[in-house]
Amino acid sequence: MTLRVLAALAAGFGFTTTAAAAPVLSIDGVCPASLSIEVSGATPSGDFVIIAGDGLGASVLPGGPCTGVMSGIGAGLRSLGSFSADATGNAFMTPSIPRWRCDEAHIQVVVLTSCELSVATPLVTAHTEVFGYTGSVQFFTVPAGVTSITVTALGASGGAGDTVPGLGGLAEATLDVDPGDELEVWVGGEGETDWYEVAGGFNGGGGVFECCGSAKSGAGGGASDVRGAPYGLDNRLIVAGGGGGGADFSNASEGGHGGGTEGGDGVGYVASNPNVQPGTGGTQTEGGSAYECCGSSYPNENGRFGQGGACWHDAAGCGGGGGGWFGGGAGSFAGGGGGSSYVDADGNTDQLTMSAENLGDGYVIISY
């Protein structure tokens, strides 16, 4: 998800720098829903980039024809895209700025032919509340006069085990609400790694249990969701799936990523051992599957509605399934499957789900 920092500047366009007046940057609207940008005074038919960063400051441009030029933006420089002015030096655009980037307080134009910069200009953003991981349910009351909110939810990643965890998924939508509505916010917890037994990540991550030996095993990450009354699993309005847990290095095991509409399958394979079987990802209609190897001592669990499957290990590790709309299946000496993401289609708009977007605990952003 991270935007490539000043990619257009680093490309090296090879233009000749000439004296020119500074461009003028105008912003209209609220980020991201109705944001439009107008640039005037750029080089006619020339190229420019729009950079963004964390507030006012002084950061040096790192490459390309404007290397060493001092910007008016502080830390975290990144590019919002490369554009071309028309024959009069003007341009109008509606750039795609993800909602989770709208807190980048200022943007600035860099004209690549002259290295002139506009004044660093602040973005106007909607009111935003960010809910981080607490390990318990949190609450949001819809303010007076508000009839829709935009929710961005990211699930938690699984525990790494001895390899690589599955990343949490993303879900975003604009939800119809009424003033005074009480919503519950459940933020997923990152799955932990343990040599013996450990619970799954908060809000549906599948746990790890020991049969008869010790090995580094990763629990599934929890999902992040927002719920309406009466606040059961059936009342989730939006869900971002959690990642599956990683398992044993010798089995090439990795956790499956949280969804997307479907969670990713775990990874793990040993040609000589058919009991090494990864869990599969949850879908919109059912949990991911788990392979129950070796009799009742290893009752690896399928994922189910709202819950990732738990895994059992011996001297070889296992991975729990990620939580989600439907949870991922447990891995049998292999990575667990990721949980699926979900958006309730009833009256809700601008829906988006994406896989493999978050490492660590989940979070939820509500804007209005």
Protein backbone atom coordinates (compact mmCIF):
# COMPACT_ATOMS: atom_id res chain seq x y z
CA MET A 1 0.00 0.00 0.00
CA THR A 2 2.89 2.27 0.57
CA LEU A 3 3.23 4.70 -2.29
CA ARG A 4 6.60 4.76 -3.97
CA VAL A 5 8.43 7.84 -2.68
CA LEU A 6 8.78 10.44 -5.39
CA ALA A 7 8.91 7.79 -8.10
CA ALA A 8 8.48 10.30 -10.88
CA LEU A 9 11.28 12.49 -9.56
CA ALA A 10 13.67 9.57 -9.40
CA ALA A 11 12.94 8.54 -12.97
CA GLY A 12 15.23 11.25 -14.35
CA PHE A 13 13.40 13.07 -17.11
CA GLY A 14 16.46 14.91 -18.40
CA PHE A 15 14.78 18.30 -18.98
CA THR A 16 16.74 21.55 -19.06
CA THR A 17 16.09 23.73 -16.03
CA THR A 18 15.03 27.29 -16.84
CA ALA A 19 13.95 30.26 -14.74
CA ALA A 20 10.22 30.30 -14.19
CA ALA A 21 7.60 31.64 -11.84
CA ALA A 22 6.35 29.41 -9.05
CA PRO A 23 3.23 27.38 -9.88
CA VAL A 24 0.01 27.98 -7.99
CA LEU A 25 -1.82 25.09 -6.32
CA SER A 26 -5.53 25.30 -5.46
CA ILE A 27 -7.49 22.62 -3.61
CA ASP A 28 -11.26 22.36 -3.48
CA GLY A 29 -13.33 19.91 -1.45
CA VAL A 30 -12.82 17.50 1.40
CA CYS A 31 -10.38 14.61 1.16
CA PRO A 32 -11.05 12.07 -0.22
CA ALA A 33 -14.70 12.20 -1.26
CA SER A 34 -14.84 15.37 -3.36
CA LEU A 35 -11.21 16.46 -3.66
CA SER A 36 -10.14 18.34 -6.79
CA ILE A 37 -6.81 20.04 -7.49
CA GLU A 38 -6.03 22.84 -9.92
CA VAL A 39 -2.50 23.85 -10.94
CA SER A 40 -1.66 27.03 -12.83
CA GLY A 41 1.64 28.60 -13.83
CA ALA A 42 3.40 25.32 -14.63
CA THR A 43 5.57 24.89 -17.72
CA PRO A 44 3.24 24.74 -20.76
CA SER A 45 2.85 21.09 -21.83
CA GLY A 46 5.40 20.20 -19.15
CA ASP A 47 5.36 17.56 -16.45
CA PHE A 48 5.03 18.00 -12.71
CA VAL A 49 4.52 15.82 -9.66
CA ILE A 50 2.39 16.37 -6.58
CA ILE A 51 4.14 15.43 -3.36
CA ALA A 52 2.61 14.92 0.07
CA GLY A 53 4.04 14.75 3.55
CA ASP A 54 3.43 15.11 7.24
CA GLY A 55 3.03 18.83 7.75
CA LEU A 56 5.16 21.86 6.99
CA GLY A 57 8.94 21.54 7.14
CA ALA A 58 12.02 21.33 4.96
CA SER A 59 12.85 18.05 3.22
CA VAL A 60 15.29 17.67 0.35
CA LEU A 61 13.97 16.10 -2.86
CA PRO A 62 15.91 12.85 -3.22
CA GLY A 63 16.39 12.34 -6.98
CA GLY A 64 15.74 13.16 -10.61
CA PRO A 65 16.23 16.59 -12.21
CA CYS A 66 15.37 18.39 -8.95
CA THR A 67 17.78 16.54 -6.66
CA GLY A 68 18.74 18.65 -3.67
CA VAL A 69 15.91 21.17 -4.01
CA MET A 70 14.33 21.95 -0.65
CA SER A 71 10.60 21.29 -0.39
CA GLY A 72 8.28 22.99 2.03
CA ILE A 73 7.04 19.71 3.50
CA GLY A 74 8.33 17.88 6.56
CA ALA A 75 8.83 14.17 7.09
CA GLY A 76 7.41 11.34 5.04
CA LEU A 77 7.67 12.70 1.48
CA ARG A 78 5.77 10.62 -1.04
CA SER A 79 4.36 11.11 -4.50
CA LEU A 80 0.65 11.39 -5.28
CA GLY A 81 1.34 11.06 -9.00
CA SER A 82 2.91 12.58 -12.09
CA PHE A 83 0.83 14.88 -14.31
CA SER A 84 1.16 17.07 -17.42
CA ALA A 85 0.08 20.69 -17.85
CA ASP A 86 -1.80 21.84 -20.94
CA ALA A 87 -0.47 24.32 -23.49
CA THR A 88 -1.24 27.22 -21.14
CA GLY A 89 0.54 25.68 -18.13
CA ASN A 90 -2.68 24.72 -16.37
CA ALA A 91 -3.99 21.37 -15.15
CA PHE A 92 -7.06 20.11 -13.36
CA MET A 93 -7.22 16.71 -11.70
CA THR A 94 -9.07 14.61 -9.15
CA PRO A 95 -6.30 12.37 -7.84
CA SER A 96 -7.06 9.10 -6.13
CA ILE A 97 -5.99 9.58 -2.52
CA PRO A 98 -6.86 6.65 -0.24
CA ARG A 99 -8.80 7.64 2.85
CA TRP A 100 -6.02 6.44 5.12
CA ARG A 101 -3.65 8.94 3.39
CA CYS A 102 -5.83 11.99 4.02
CA ASP A 103 -4.03 12.80 7.25
CA GLU A 104 -0.98 13.82 5.20
CA ALA A 105 -1.44 17.41 6.16
CA HIS A 106 0.14 19.24 3.20
CA ILE A 107 0.74 18.75 -0.53
CA GLN A 108 2.98 20.64 -2.98
CA VAL A 109 3.60 20.86 -6.74
CA VAL A 110 7.12 20.33 -8.16
CA VAL A 111 7.56 21.42 -11.79
CA LEU A 112 10.09 19.02 -13.27
CA THR A 113 11.34 21.35 -16.02
CA SER A 114 12.17 24.26 -13.71
CA CYS A 115 12.22 22.74 -10.21
CA GLU A 116 9.93 25.54 -9.04
CA LEU A 117 7.61 24.63 -6.20
CA SER A 118 4.17 25.83 -5.22
CA VAL A 119 3.34 26.85 -1.69
CA ALA A 120 2.78 23.78 0.50
CA THR A 121 -1.00 23.65 0.91
CA PRO A 122 -3.03 21.79 3.57
CA LEU A 123 -5.64 19.20 2.75
CA VAL A 124 -9.06 19.64 4.28
CA THR A 125 -10.24 16.35 5.75
CA ALA A 126 -13.47 15.03 7.14
CA HIS A 127 -13.85 14.49 10.86
CA THR A 128 -12.06 11.23 11.64
CA GLU A 129 -11.89 8.91 14.62
CA VAL A 130 -9.27 6.15 14.75
CA PHE A 131 -9.86 3.05 16.87
CA GLY A 132 -6.71 1.11 17.74
CA TYR A 133 -6.38 -2.26 19.39
CA THR A 134 -7.49 -2.48 23.03
CA GLY A 135 -8.47 -6.14 23.44
CA SER A 136 -12.11 -5.26 24.16
CA VAL A 137 -15.15 -3.82 22.40
CA GLN A 138 -15.21 -0.05 21.74
CA PHE A 139 -18.14 2.24 20.95
CA PHE A 140 -19.08 4.95 18.45
CA THR A 141 -22.19 7.13 18.68
CA VAL A 142 -23.33 8.71 15.42
CA PRO A 143 -23.35 12.51 15.94
CA ALA A 144 -26.39 14.70 15.39
CA GLY A 145 -26.98 15.54 11.75
CA VAL A 146 -24.85 12.67 10.41
CA THR A 147 -26.62 10.19 8.12
CA SER A 148 -23.62 8.37 6.63
CA ILE A 149 -20.17 7.37 7.82
CA THR A 150 -17.21 5.96 5.95
CA VAL A 151 -15.49 3.05 7.66
CA THR A 152 -12.02 1.76 6.84
CA ALA A 153 -11.22 -1.46 8.71
CA LEU A 154 -7.96 -3.43 8.68
CA GLY A 155 -7.64 -6.89 10.17
CA ALA A 156 -4.71 -8.07 12.26
CA SER A 157 -1.91 -10.25 10.98
CA GLY A 158 -1.28 -13.74 12.30
CA GLY A 159 1.59 -14.85 14.48
CA ALA A 160 4.78 -15.56 12.56
CA GLY A 161 5.54 -18.96 14.06
CA ASP A 162 8.95 -19.85 12.71
CA THR A 163 8.26 -18.32 9.29
CA VAL A 164 5.99 -15.58 7.91
CA PRO A 165 2.49 -14.56 9.09
CA GLY A 166 -0.50 -13.84 6.90
CA LEU A 167 -1.28 -10.12 6.70
CA GLY A 168 -4.62 -8.62 7.67
CA GLY A 169 -7.14 -7.63 5.00
CA LEU A 170 -8.91 -4.33 4.35
CA ALA A 171 -12.59 -3.43 4.00
CA GLU A 172 -14.00 0.03 3.32
CA ALA A 173 -17.51 1.32 2.70
CA THR A 174 -19.83 4.26 3.25
CA LEU A 175 -22.59 3.11 5.61
CA ASP A 176 -26.08 4.56 6.03
CA VAL A 177 -26.71 5.50 9.68
CA ASP A 178 -29.09 7.56 11.78
CA PRO A 179 -28.08 10.23 14.30
CA GLY A 180 -27.77 8.68 17.73
CA ASP A 181 -27.06 5.16 16.49
CA GLU A 182 -24.79 3.22 18.83
CA LEU A 183 -22.24 1.10 17.00
CA GLU A 184 -19.76 -1.38 18.38
CA VAL A 185 -16.19 -1.35 17.08
CA TRP A 186 -14.17 -4.56 17.36
CA VAL A 187 -10.48 -4.19 16.49
CA GLY A 188 -8.54 -7.39 15.81
CA GLY A 189 -5.47 -8.35 17.80
CA GLU A 190 -2.28 -9.66 16.20
CA GLY A 191 -1.75 -13.40 16.58
CA GLU A 192 1.04 -14.40 18.94
CA THR A 193 3.81 -16.96 18.53
CA ASP A 194 4.46 -19.58 21.19
CA TRP A 195 6.32 -22.87 21.62
CA TYR A 196 3.38 -24.51 23.41
CA GLU A 197 -0.12 -23.01 23.54
CA VAL A 198 -1.49 -19.54 22.90
CA ALA A 199 -4.94 -18.04 22.33
CA GLY A 200 -5.83 -16.61 18.95
CA GLY A 201 -5.80 -12.89 18.25
CA PHE A 202 -8.74 -10.95 19.72
CA ASN A 203 -11.93 -11.13 17.67
CA GLY A 204 -11.81 -14.53 16.05
CA GLY A 205 -8.19 -15.58 15.56
CA GLY A 206 -7.62 -19.34 15.80
CA GLY A 207 -5.48 -20.51 18.71
CA VAL A 208 -2.58 -22.94 19.03
CA PHE A 209 -2.67 -26.11 21.16
CA GLU A 210 0.05 -28.61 22.06
CA CYS A 211 -0.38 -32.30 21.56
CA CYS A 212 2.96 -33.71 22.59
CA GLY A 213 6.00 -31.52 21.95
CA SER A 214 7.20 -27.96 21.53
CA ALA A 215 7.55 -25.94 18.33
CA LYS A 216 7.14 -22.30 17.34
CA SER A 217 3.56 -21.88 16.12
CA GLY A 218 1.59 -18.80 15.13
CA ALA A 219 -1.98 -18.07 16.22
CA GLY A 220 -4.42 -16.52 13.76
CA GLY A 221 -4.95 -12.75 13.69
CA GLY A 222 -8.29 -11.29 14.69
CA ALA A 223 -10.73 -9.58 12.35
CA SER A 224 -11.76 -5.92 12.68
CA ASP A 225 -15.44 -5.07 12.35
CA VAL A 226 -18.24 -2.60 13.11
CA ARG A 227 -21.61 -3.87 14.38
CA GLY A 228 -25.11 -2.51 14.74
CA ALA A 229 -27.72 -3.56 17.29
CA PRO A 230 -28.18 -6.17 18.66
CA TYR A 231 -24.41 -6.58 18.13
CA GLY A 232 -24.07 -10.27 17.28
CA LEU A 233 -21.90 -11.77 14.57
CA ASP A 234 -24.89 -11.55 12.22
CA ASN A 235 -25.05 -7.79 12.84
CA ARG A 236 -21.57 -7.00 11.50
CA LEU A 237 -21.86 -4.23 8.91
CA ILE A 238 -18.25 -4.41 7.71
CA VAL A 239 -15.47 -6.92 8.41
CA ALA A 240 -11.75 -6.96 7.58
CA GLY A 241 -10.30 -10.47 7.73
CA GLY A 242 -7.34 -11.47 9.90
CA GLY A 243 -4.24 -13.26 8.63
CA GLY A 244 -3.42 -16.90 9.32
CA GLY A 245 -0.55 -17.95 11.55
CA GLY A 246 2.80 -19.13 10.23
CA ALA A 247 4.24 -22.45 11.30
CA ASP A 248 7.38 -24.54 10.86
CA PHE A 249 10.32 -23.31 8.79
CA SER A 250 11.30 -26.84 7.76
CA ASN A 251 7.86 -27.28 6.18
CA ALA A 252 8.08 -24.01 4.20
CA SER A 253 4.97 -22.87 6.07
CA GLU A 254 3.43 -19.38 5.84
CA GLY A 255 0.10 -17.96 6.97
CA GLY A 256 -2.57 -17.08 4.41
CA HIS A 257 -3.52 -13.42 4.08
CA GLY A 258 -6.80 -11.98 5.27
CA GLY A 259 -9.27 -11.16 2.46
CA GLY A 260 -10.57 -9.74 0.09
CA THR A 261 -13.83 -11.48 -0.42
CA GLU A 262 -11.87 -14.68 0.19
CA GLY A 263 -9.05 -15.25 2.62
CA GLY A 264 -5.77 -16.57 1.29
CA ASP A 265 -4.77 -20.19 1.71
CA GLY A 266 -1.91 -21.01 4.05
CA VAL A 267 1.34 -22.43 2.73
CA GLY A 268 3.20 -25.60 3.67
CA TYR A 269 4.40 -28.67 1.83
CA VAL A 270 6.65 -31.67 2.37
CA ALA A 271 6.58 -34.23 -0.44
CA SER A 272 7.34 -37.14 1.88
CA ASN A 273 4.78 -36.20 4.54
CA PRO A 274 1.11 -35.99 3.51
CA ASN A 275 0.17 -34.78 7.00
CA VAL A 276 1.66 -31.36 6.20
CA GLN A 277 -1.45 -29.59 4.88
CA PRO A 278 -2.13 -25.82 5.04
CA GLY A 279 -5.49 -24.40 6.04
CA THR A 280 -7.59 -22.77 3.34
CA GLY A 281 -9.07 -19.26 3.43
CA GLY A 282 -12.59 -18.36 4.50
CA THR A 283 -15.11 -17.29 1.85
CA GLN A 284 -18.39 -15.38 1.83
CA THR A 285 -20.37 -18.53 2.62
CA GLU A 286 -18.16 -20.92 4.60
CA GLY A 287 -15.07 -21.24 6.74
CA GLY A 288 -11.74 -22.47 5.47
CA SER A 289 -10.95 -26.16 5.74
CA ALA A 290 -8.42 -27.90 7.96
CA TYR A 291 -6.77 -31.31 7.62
CA GLU A 292 -7.31 -33.47 10.70
CA CYS A 293 -4.28 -35.63 10.69
CA CYS A 294 -3.14 -38.47 12.88
CA GLY A 295 -6.30 -39.26 14.80
CA SER A 296 -7.95 -37.52 17.74
CA SER A 297 -4.68 -36.11 19.15
CA TYR A 298 -4.65 -33.45 16.40
CA PRO A 299 -8.24 -32.15 16.01
CA ASN A 300 -7.36 -29.25 13.73
CA GLU A 301 -10.43 -27.06 13.26
CA ASN A 302 -12.15 -25.75 10.19
CA GLY A 303 -12.90 -22.05 10.16
CA ARG A 304 -16.47 -21.05 10.90
CA PHE A 305 -18.67 -17.97 10.99
CA GLY A 306 -16.65 -15.26 12.73
CA GLN A 307 -13.93 -17.62 13.95
CA GLY A 308 -10.64 -19.01 12.64
CA GLY A 309 -9.78 -22.65 13.29
CA ALA A 310 -7.40 -23.73 16.06
CA CYS A 311 -4.43 -26.01 15.31
CA TRP A 312 -2.57 -28.72 17.25
CA HIS A 313 1.18 -29.34 17.07
CA ASP A 314 3.92 -31.61 18.34
CA ALA A 315 7.61 -31.06 17.60
CA ALA A 316 6.54 -29.48 14.30
CA GLY A 317 4.67 -26.18 14.46
CA CYS A 318 1.23 -25.26 13.16
CA GLY A 319 -0.70 -22.09 12.23
CA GLY A 320 -4.13 -20.99 13.44
CA GLY A 321 -6.72 -19.61 11.02
CA GLY A 322 -7.45 -15.87 10.80
CA GLY A 323 -10.74 -14.44 12.00
CA GLY A 324 -13.16 -12.88 9.52
CA TRP A 325 -16.69 -12.93 8.14
CA PHE A 326 -15.84 -16.61 7.87
CA GLY A 327 -12.56 -17.67 9.47
CA GLY A 328 -9.68 -19.49 7.87
CA GLY A 329 -8.95 -23.15 8.49
CA ALA A 330 -6.12 -24.33 10.74
CA GLY A 331 -2.88 -25.59 9.25
CA SER A 332 -1.74 -29.13 9.89
CA PHE A 333 2.00 -28.56 10.55
CA ALA A 334 1.58 -25.71 8.05
CA GLY A 335 0.24 -22.16 7.77
CA GLY A 336 -3.34 -21.31 8.70
CA GLY A 337 -5.78 -19.81 6.19
CA GLY A 338 -6.81 -16.16 6.25
CA GLY A 339 -10.29 -14.95 7.13
CA SER A 340 -12.60 -13.34 4.58
CA SER A 341 -13.63 -9.67 4.55
CA TYR A 342 -17.22 -8.50 4.10
CA VAL A 343 -19.43 -5.45 3.56
CA ASP A 344 -23.18 -5.53 4.15
CA ALA A 345 -24.68 -4.53 0.79
CA ASP A 346 -27.96 -3.18 2.22
CA GLY A 347 -27.93 0.59 1.64
CA ASN A 348 -24.15 0.87 1.75
CA THR A 349 -21.96 2.30 -1.01
CA ASP A 350 -18.35 2.73 -2.19
CA GLN A 351 -17.51 -0.79 -1.11
CA LEU A 352 -13.95 -2.08 -1.27
CA THR A 353 -12.18 -5.17 0.06
CA MET A 354 -8.50 -5.95 -0.42
CA SER A 355 -6.19 -8.73 0.68
CA ALA A 356 -2.82 -8.53 2.45
CA GLU A 357 -2.85 -4.93 3.65
CA ASN A 358 -1.77 -4.83 7.31
CA LEU A 359 1.02 -6.15 9.56
CA GLY A 360 0.38 -6.05 13.31
CA ASP A 361 -2.76 -5.24 15.26
CA GLY A 362 -5.80 -4.12 13.31
CA TYR A 363 -7.49 -0.73 13.41
CA VAL A 364 -10.71 0.97 12.33
CA ILE A 365 -11.13 4.51 10.96
CA ILE A 366 -14.55 6.19 10.98
CA SER A 367 -14.98 9.44 9.00
CA TYR A 368 -18.02 11.65 8.53
